[in-house]
Amino acid sequence: MHSRNDITFIAADDKLKTRIQQEWPSNAGDFICLDENSFSLVALAAGTPVGAVSAHKRALAEPLCTLHEAFISIVEVSEDYRRRGIGRALVEAVIAWAGREGMFQVGAWSMKTRSEVLHLWRKLGFTFAQIDTPQQTEAPYGFYVTKRI
């Protein structure tokens, strides 16, 4: 457990995951992984979950299957707590975990409408790959982001 001003960061557990699933308007709690190949951290303000990140270790596809990445399945901060460095601290914790585990990179997917998190990825040195398919008739709906460790 560590603190950042009035925010405390603790490892996610079943109790916190359930609270997030029940209390948050989004489905962020559904993306929190708690198995041995995952890293999940919750930001608390006065005991209330206000931010969360969850990543899991996964092998890259052939022929790079000997390389692993920490894939972030969710990073979310409650609207009232944004722009305080919470999201940055959560993602930096994943990067540190991935480094300790000897992973090659950290990856995530972001919707194009989430401009605040796209800005965060950019500030943290992630690179962007536009997601689009030949079947799409509209502009790309998001970006895959990666950062080499």
C-alpha atoms as a PDB file:
ATOM      1  CA  MET A   1       0.000   0.000   0.000  1.00  0.00           C
ATOM      2  CA  HIS A   2       1.270   3.491  -0.824  1.00  0.00           C
ATOM      3  CA  SER A   3      -0.267   6.957  -0.790  1.00  0.00           C
ATOM      4  CA  ARG A   4      -0.448   9.993  -3.092  1.00  0.00           C
ATOM      5  CA  ASN A   5      -1.836  12.981  -1.181  1.00  0.00           C
ATOM      6  CA  ASP A   6      -5.316  11.943  -0.048  1.00  0.00           C
ATOM      7  CA  ILE A   7      -5.344   8.828  -2.284  1.00  0.00           C
ATOM      8  CA  THR A   8      -4.267   5.372  -1.138  1.00  0.00           C
ATOM      9  CA  PHE A   9      -3.370   2.622  -3.620  1.00  0.00           C
ATOM     10  CA  ILE A  10      -3.940  -1.015  -2.648  1.00  0.00           C
ATOM     11  CA  ALA A  11      -3.970  -4.345  -4.431  1.00  0.00           C
ATOM     12  CA  ALA A  12      -7.418  -5.289  -5.670  1.00  0.00           C
ATOM     13  CA  ASP A  13      -9.180  -8.214  -4.041  1.00  0.00           C
ATOM     14  CA  ASP A  14     -12.592  -9.850  -4.413  1.00  0.00           C
ATOM     15  CA  LYS A  15     -14.197  -7.397  -1.998  1.00  0.00           C
ATOM     16  CA  LEU A  16     -12.953  -4.309  -3.870  1.00  0.00           C
ATOM     17  CA  LYS A  17     -13.835  -5.834  -7.239  1.00  0.00           C
ATOM     18  CA  THR A  18     -17.396  -6.452  -6.029  1.00  0.00           C
ATOM     19  CA  ARG A  19     -17.659  -2.899  -4.666  1.00  0.00           C
ATOM     20  CA  ILE A  20     -16.557  -1.467  -8.000  1.00  0.00           C
ATOM     21  CA  GLN A  21     -19.014  -3.693  -9.869  1.00  0.00           C
ATOM     22  CA  GLN A  22     -21.853  -2.543  -7.598  1.00  0.00           C
ATOM     23  CA  GLU A  23     -20.979   1.120  -7.043  1.00  0.00           C
ATOM     24  CA  TRP A  24     -19.518   2.378 -10.322  1.00  0.00           C
ATOM     25  CA  PRO A  25     -21.783   3.360 -13.205  1.00  0.00           C
ATOM     26  CA  SER A  26     -19.412   1.680 -15.697  1.00  0.00           C
ATOM     27  CA  ASN A  27     -18.614  -2.000 -16.070  1.00  0.00           C
ATOM     28  CA  ALA A  28     -14.965  -1.462 -15.038  1.00  0.00           C
ATOM     29  CA  GLY A  29     -15.240  -4.032 -12.256  1.00  0.00           C
ATOM     30  CA  ASP A  30     -15.920  -6.751 -14.811  1.00  0.00           C
ATOM     31  CA  PHE A  31     -12.423  -6.221 -16.256  1.00  0.00           C
ATOM     32  CA  ILE A  32     -10.497  -6.554 -12.987  1.00  0.00           C
ATOM     33  CA  CYS A  33      -8.469  -9.776 -13.025  1.00  0.00           C
ATOM     34  CA  LEU A  34      -7.336 -11.367  -9.780  1.00  0.00           C
ATOM     35  CA  ASP A  35      -5.448 -14.478 -10.909  1.00  0.00           C
ATOM     36  CA  GLU A  36      -1.715 -15.136 -10.451  1.00  0.00           C
ATOM     37  CA  ASN A  37      -0.850 -13.761 -13.917  1.00  0.00           C
ATOM     38  CA  SER A  38      -2.546 -10.426 -13.262  1.00  0.00           C
ATOM     39  CA  PHE A  39      -1.866  -7.134 -11.538  1.00  0.00           C
ATOM     40  CA  SER A  40      -4.783  -5.080 -10.255  1.00  0.00           C
ATOM     41  CA  LEU A  41      -4.591  -1.925  -8.178  1.00  0.00           C
ATOM     42  CA  VAL A  42      -7.339   0.272  -6.728  1.00  0.00           C
ATOM     43  CA  ALA A  43      -7.090   3.937  -5.757  1.00  0.00           C
ATOM     44  CA  LEU A  44      -9.088   4.805  -2.637  1.00  0.00           C
ATOM     45  CA  ALA A  45     -10.192   8.193  -1.300  1.00  0.00           C
ATOM     46  CA  ALA A  46     -11.433   7.942   2.287  1.00  0.00           C
ATOM     47  CA  GLY A  47     -11.989   4.217   1.739  1.00  0.00           C
ATOM     48  CA  THR A  48     -14.030   4.680  -1.454  1.00  0.00           C
ATOM     49  CA  PRO A  49     -12.710   3.255  -4.751  1.00  0.00           C
ATOM     50  CA  VAL A  50     -12.032   6.162  -7.130  1.00  0.00           C
ATOM     51  CA  GLY A  51      -9.670   4.531  -9.618  1.00  0.00           C
ATOM     52  CA  ALA A  52      -8.607   1.110 -10.802  1.00  0.00           C
ATOM     53  CA  VAL A  53      -6.240  -0.583 -13.190  1.00  0.00           C
ATOM     54  CA  SER A  54      -5.963  -4.224 -14.126  1.00  0.00           C
ATOM     55  CA  ALA A  55      -3.472  -5.936 -16.425  1.00  0.00           C
ATOM     56  CA  HIS A  56      -2.677  -9.518 -17.242  1.00  0.00           C
ATOM     57  CA  LYS A  57       0.400 -11.214 -18.614  1.00  0.00           C
ATOM     58  CA  ARG A  58      -0.005 -12.659 -22.083  1.00  0.00           C
ATOM     59  CA  ALA A  59       2.299 -14.072 -24.730  1.00  0.00           C
ATOM     60  CA  LEU A  60       2.558 -12.318 -28.063  1.00  0.00           C
ATOM     61  CA  ALA A  61       1.464 -14.247 -31.144  1.00  0.00           C
ATOM     62  CA  GLU A  62       3.752 -16.455 -33.248  1.00  0.00           C
ATOM     63  CA  PRO A  63       6.540 -16.038 -34.097  1.00  0.00           C
ATOM     64  CA  LEU A  64       7.032 -13.803 -31.025  1.00  0.00           C
ATOM     65  CA  CYS A  65       5.426 -16.183 -28.513  1.00  0.00           C
ATOM     66  CA  THR A  66       8.505 -16.155 -26.278  1.00  0.00           C
ATOM     67  CA  LEU A  67       7.816 -12.470 -25.557  1.00  0.00           C
ATOM     68  CA  HIS A  68       5.152 -11.367 -23.084  1.00  0.00           C
ATOM     69  CA  GLU A  69       3.245  -8.175 -22.509  1.00  0.00           C
ATOM     70  CA  ALA A  70       1.212  -6.777 -19.672  1.00  0.00           C
ATOM     71  CA  PHE A  71      -2.114  -6.047 -21.347  1.00  0.00           C
ATOM     72  CA  ILE A  72      -4.143  -3.420 -19.494  1.00  0.00           C
ATOM     73  CA  SER A  73      -7.786  -4.456 -19.640  1.00  0.00           C
ATOM     74  CA  ILE A  74      -9.055  -1.458 -17.659  1.00  0.00           C
ATOM     75  CA  VAL A  75      -7.783   1.846 -16.358  1.00  0.00           C
ATOM     76  CA  GLU A  76     -10.452   4.125 -15.023  1.00  0.00           C
ATOM     77  CA  VAL A  77     -10.684   7.050 -12.623  1.00  0.00           C
ATOM     78  CA  SER A  78     -13.931   8.484 -11.275  1.00  0.00           C
ATOM     79  CA  GLU A  79     -14.775  11.775 -12.957  1.00  0.00           C
ATOM     80  CA  ASP A  80     -14.485  13.813  -9.740  1.00  0.00           C
ATOM     81  CA  TYR A  81     -10.917  12.544  -9.218  1.00  0.00           C
ATOM     82  CA  ARG A  82      -9.471  13.026 -12.695  1.00  0.00           C
ATOM     83  CA  ARG A  83      -6.515  15.331 -13.372  1.00  0.00           C
ATOM     84  CA  ARG A  84      -4.886  14.521 -10.022  1.00  0.00           C
ATOM     85  CA  GLY A  85      -2.282  12.052 -11.300  1.00  0.00           C
ATOM     86  CA  ILE A  86      -4.251   8.974 -10.247  1.00  0.00           C
ATOM     87  CA  GLY A  87      -4.465   7.460 -13.729  1.00  0.00           C
ATOM     88  CA  ARG A  88      -0.786   8.111 -14.277  1.00  0.00           C
ATOM     89  CA  ALA A  89       0.115   6.449 -10.956  1.00  0.00           C
ATOM     90  CA  LEU A  90      -2.041   3.419 -11.804  1.00  0.00           C
ATOM     91  CA  VAL A  91      -0.459   2.941 -15.246  1.00  0.00           C
ATOM     92  CA  GLU A  92       3.048   3.523 -13.872  1.00  0.00           C
ATOM     93  CA  ALA A  93       2.389   0.771 -11.322  1.00  0.00           C
ATOM     94  CA  VAL A  94       1.562  -1.630 -14.176  1.00  0.00           C
ATOM     95  CA  ILE A  95       4.728  -0.606 -16.024  1.00  0.00           C
ATOM     96  CA  ALA A  96       6.784  -1.285 -12.883  1.00  0.00           C
ATOM     97  CA  TRP A  97       5.101  -4.693 -12.390  1.00  0.00           C
ATOM     98  CA  ALA A  98       5.725  -5.638 -16.038  1.00  0.00           C
ATOM     99  CA  GLY A  99       9.382  -4.669 -15.650  1.00  0.00           C
ATOM    100  CA  ARG A 100       9.784  -6.757 -12.494  1.00  0.00           C
ATOM    101  CA  GLU A 101       8.187  -9.702 -14.284  1.00  0.00           C
ATOM    102  CA  GLY A 102      10.557  -9.395 -17.267  1.00  0.00           C
ATOM    103  CA  MET A 103       7.866  -8.576 -19.799  1.00  0.00           C
ATOM    104  CA  PHE A 104       8.718  -7.073 -23.183  1.00  0.00           C
ATOM    105  CA  GLN A 105       6.025  -4.393 -23.292  1.00  0.00           C
ATOM    106  CA  VAL A 106       2.825  -2.972 -21.856  1.00  0.00           C
ATOM    107  CA  GLY A 107      -0.198  -2.777 -24.155  1.00  0.00           C
ATOM    108  CA  ALA A 108      -3.778  -1.552 -24.033  1.00  0.00           C
ATOM    109  CA  TRP A 109      -6.691  -0.605 -26.236  1.00  0.00           C
ATOM    110  CA  SER A 110      -8.456   2.766 -26.076  1.00  0.00           C
ATOM    111  CA  MET A 111     -11.585   4.077 -27.715  1.00  0.00           C
ATOM    112  CA  LYS A 112     -11.059   7.185 -29.824  1.00  0.00           C
ATOM    113  CA  THR A 113     -13.690   9.005 -27.751  1.00  0.00           C
ATOM    114  CA  ARG A 114     -11.610   8.711 -24.550  1.00  0.00           C
ATOM    115  CA  SER A 115      -9.378  11.682 -25.326  1.00  0.00           C
ATOM    116  CA  GLU A 116      -8.233  12.076 -21.707  1.00  0.00           C
ATOM    117  CA  VAL A 117      -6.757   8.581 -21.574  1.00  0.00           C
ATOM    118  CA  LEU A 118      -5.271   8.957 -25.056  1.00  0.00           C
ATOM    119  CA  HIS A 119      -3.467  12.028 -23.723  1.00  0.00           C
ATOM    120  CA  LEU A 120      -2.247   9.990 -20.737  1.00  0.00           C
ATOM    121  CA  TRP A 121      -0.868   7.235 -22.998  1.00  0.00           C
ATOM    122  CA  ARG A 122       0.980   9.871 -25.005  1.00  0.00           C
ATOM    123  CA  LYS A 123       2.454  11.556 -21.910  1.00  0.00           C
ATOM    124  CA  LEU A 124       3.713   8.180 -20.662  1.00  0.00           C
ATOM    125  CA  GLY A 125       5.516   7.427 -23.935  1.00  0.00           C
ATOM    126  CA  PHE A 126       3.160   4.850 -25.440  1.00  0.00           C
ATOM    127  CA  THR A 127       2.961   4.503 -29.218  1.00  0.00           C
ATOM    128  CA  PHE A 128      -0.309   4.306 -31.145  1.00  0.00           C
ATOM    129  CA  ALA A 129      -1.621   1.950 -33.815  1.00  0.00           C
ATOM    130  CA  GLN A 130      -4.929   2.928 -35.387  1.00  0.00           C
ATOM    131  CA  ILE A 131      -7.538   0.178 -35.281  1.00  0.00           C
ATOM    132  CA  ASP A 132      -9.503  -0.136 -38.470  1.00  0.00           C
ATOM    133  CA  THR A 133     -10.642  -2.958 -40.697  1.00  0.00           C
ATOM    134  CA  PRO A 134     -11.553  -3.137 -44.395  1.00  0.00           C
ATOM    135  CA  GLN A 135     -15.191  -3.701 -43.354  1.00  0.00           C
ATOM    136  CA  GLN A 136     -15.454  -0.389 -41.484  1.00  0.00           C
ATOM    137  CA  THR A 137     -17.389   2.384 -43.127  1.00  0.00           C
ATOM    138  CA  GLU A 138     -16.593   4.974 -40.458  1.00  0.00           C
ATOM    139  CA  ALA A 139     -13.362   6.365 -39.043  1.00  0.00           C
ATOM    140  CA  PRO A 140     -11.304   4.058 -36.795  1.00  0.00           C
ATOM    141  CA  TYR A 141     -12.936   3.401 -33.464  1.00  0.00           C
ATOM    142  CA  GLY A 142      -9.814   3.248 -31.379  1.00  0.00           C
ATOM    143  CA  PHE A 143      -6.135   2.734 -30.906  1.00  0.00           C
ATOM    144  CA  TYR A 144      -3.904  -0.048 -29.688  1.00  0.00           C
ATOM    145  CA  VAL A 145      -1.152   1.450 -27.531  1.00  0.00           C
ATOM    146  CA  THR A 146       2.161  -0.084 -26.513  1.00  0.00           C
ATOM    147  CA  LYS A 147       5.232   0.832 -24.529  1.00  0.00           C
ATOM    148  CA  ARG A 148       8.409  -1.189 -24.604  1.00  0.00           C
ATOM    149  CA  ILE A 149       9.808  -1.869 -21.138  1.00  0.00           C
END
